[in-house]
Amino acid sequence: MTSKYGEDVDEPWAHDGLVTLPIREFSEPESWLYTKLTPDEARLLGLRLIKMTDEAERQEW
């Protein structure tokens, strides 16, 4: 399944002070992966993704 975040990545959410990023490994919900990040970890990941996006764009033909 493709979302606005890409294939097999669902909408993240915040709960109990953590950010949860669900990733679908297979179609059955019990096989999905749920990565829980602290706010600082989520910010660092966001910044890293922006940096990697810039690098990927420079590599396009």
C-alpha atoms as a PDB file:
ATOM      1  CA  MET A   1       0.000   0.000   0.000  1.00  0.00           C
ATOM      2  CA  THR A   2       1.340   3.433  -0.892  1.00  0.00           C
ATOM      3  CA  SER A   3       0.678   6.476   1.275  1.00  0.00           C
ATOM      4  CA  LYS A   4       1.836  10.064   0.952  1.00  0.00           C
ATOM      5  CA  TYR A   5       5.000   8.904   2.785  1.00  0.00           C
ATOM      6  CA  GLY A   6       5.782   6.125   0.357  1.00  0.00           C
ATOM      7  CA  GLU A   7       5.099   2.465  -0.062  1.00  0.00           C
ATOM      8  CA  ASP A   8       4.162   0.665   3.150  1.00  0.00           C
ATOM      9  CA  VAL A   9       4.706   3.672   5.457  1.00  0.00           C
ATOM     10  CA  ASP A  10       1.609   4.910   7.284  1.00  0.00           C
ATOM     11  CA  GLU A  11       0.813   8.156   9.065  1.00  0.00           C
ATOM     12  CA  PRO A  12       2.932   8.636  12.209  1.00  0.00           C
ATOM     13  CA  TRP A  13       1.249   9.638  15.466  1.00  0.00           C
ATOM     14  CA  ALA A  14       2.200  10.966  18.893  1.00  0.00           C
ATOM     15  CA  HIS A  15       1.083   9.275  22.127  1.00  0.00           C
ATOM     16  CA  ASP A  16       2.485   9.174  25.660  1.00  0.00           C
ATOM     17  CA  GLY A  17       5.382  11.443  24.717  1.00  0.00           C
ATOM     18  CA  LEU A  18       6.609   9.248  21.835  1.00  0.00           C
ATOM     19  CA  VAL A  19       6.267   9.400  18.060  1.00  0.00           C
ATOM     20  CA  THR A  20       5.186   6.121  16.471  1.00  0.00           C
ATOM     21  CA  LEU A  21       5.998   5.386  12.835  1.00  0.00           C
ATOM     22  CA  PRO A  22       4.105   2.341  11.491  1.00  0.00           C
ATOM     23  CA  ILE A  23       5.693   0.353   8.657  1.00  0.00           C
ATOM     24  CA  ARG A  24       3.807  -2.441   6.885  1.00  0.00           C
ATOM     25  CA  GLU A  25       6.035  -5.432   6.388  1.00  0.00           C
ATOM     26  CA  PHE A  26       3.196  -7.602   5.083  1.00  0.00           C
ATOM     27  CA  SER A  27      -0.511  -7.009   4.537  1.00  0.00           C
ATOM     28  CA  GLU A  28      -1.599  -8.493   7.890  1.00  0.00           C
ATOM     29  CA  PRO A  29      -1.711  -5.813  10.631  1.00  0.00           C
ATOM     30  CA  GLU A  30      -0.101  -8.158  13.170  1.00  0.00           C
ATOM     31  CA  SER A  31       3.067  -8.180  11.022  1.00  0.00           C
ATOM     32  CA  TRP A  32       3.418  -4.382  10.879  1.00  0.00           C
ATOM     33  CA  LEU A  33       6.447  -2.783  12.534  1.00  0.00           C
ATOM     34  CA  TYR A  34       5.953   0.132  14.928  1.00  0.00           C
ATOM     35  CA  THR A  35       9.031   2.223  15.542  1.00  0.00           C
ATOM     36  CA  LYS A  36       8.710   4.418  18.633  1.00  0.00           C
ATOM     37  CA  LEU A  37      10.903   7.513  18.804  1.00  0.00           C
ATOM     38  CA  THR A  38      11.433  10.196  21.406  1.00  0.00           C
ATOM     39  CA  PRO A  39      10.714  13.727  20.178  1.00  0.00           C
ATOM     40  CA  ASP A  40      14.469  14.407  19.816  1.00  0.00           C
ATOM     41  CA  GLU A  41      14.993  11.173  17.867  1.00  0.00           C
ATOM     42  CA  ALA A  42      12.068  12.020  15.587  1.00  0.00           C
ATOM     43  CA  ARG A  43      13.516  15.494  14.944  1.00  0.00           C
ATOM     44  CA  LEU A  44      16.943  14.043  14.142  1.00  0.00           C
ATOM     45  CA  LEU A  45      15.383  11.499  11.800  1.00  0.00           C
ATOM     46  CA  GLY A  46      13.415  14.251  10.068  1.00  0.00           C
ATOM     47  CA  LEU A  47      16.549  16.332   9.561  1.00  0.00           C
ATOM     48  CA  ARG A  48      18.465  13.293   8.305  1.00  0.00           C
ATOM     49  CA  LEU A  49      15.699  12.491   5.820  1.00  0.00           C
ATOM     50  CA  ILE A  50      15.813  16.061   4.501  1.00  0.00           C
ATOM     51  CA  LYS A  51      19.587  15.806   4.061  1.00  0.00           C
ATOM     52  CA  MET A  52      19.273  12.436   2.289  1.00  0.00           C
ATOM     53  CA  THR A  53      16.531  13.853   0.056  1.00  0.00           C
ATOM     54  CA  ASP A  54      18.847  16.655  -1.066  1.00  0.00           C
ATOM     55  CA  GLU A  55      21.582  14.115  -1.785  1.00  0.00           C
ATOM     56  CA  ALA A  56      19.207  11.855  -3.732  1.00  0.00           C
ATOM     57  CA  GLU A  57      18.038  14.801  -5.845  1.00  0.00           C
ATOM     58  CA  ARG A  58      21.629  15.661  -6.734  1.00  0.00           C
ATOM     59  CA  GLN A  59      22.122  12.076  -7.940  1.00  0.00           C
ATOM     60  CA  GLU A  60      19.181  12.180 -10.393  1.00  0.00           C
ATOM     61  CA  TRP A  61      20.141  12.128 -14.035  1.00  0.00           C
END
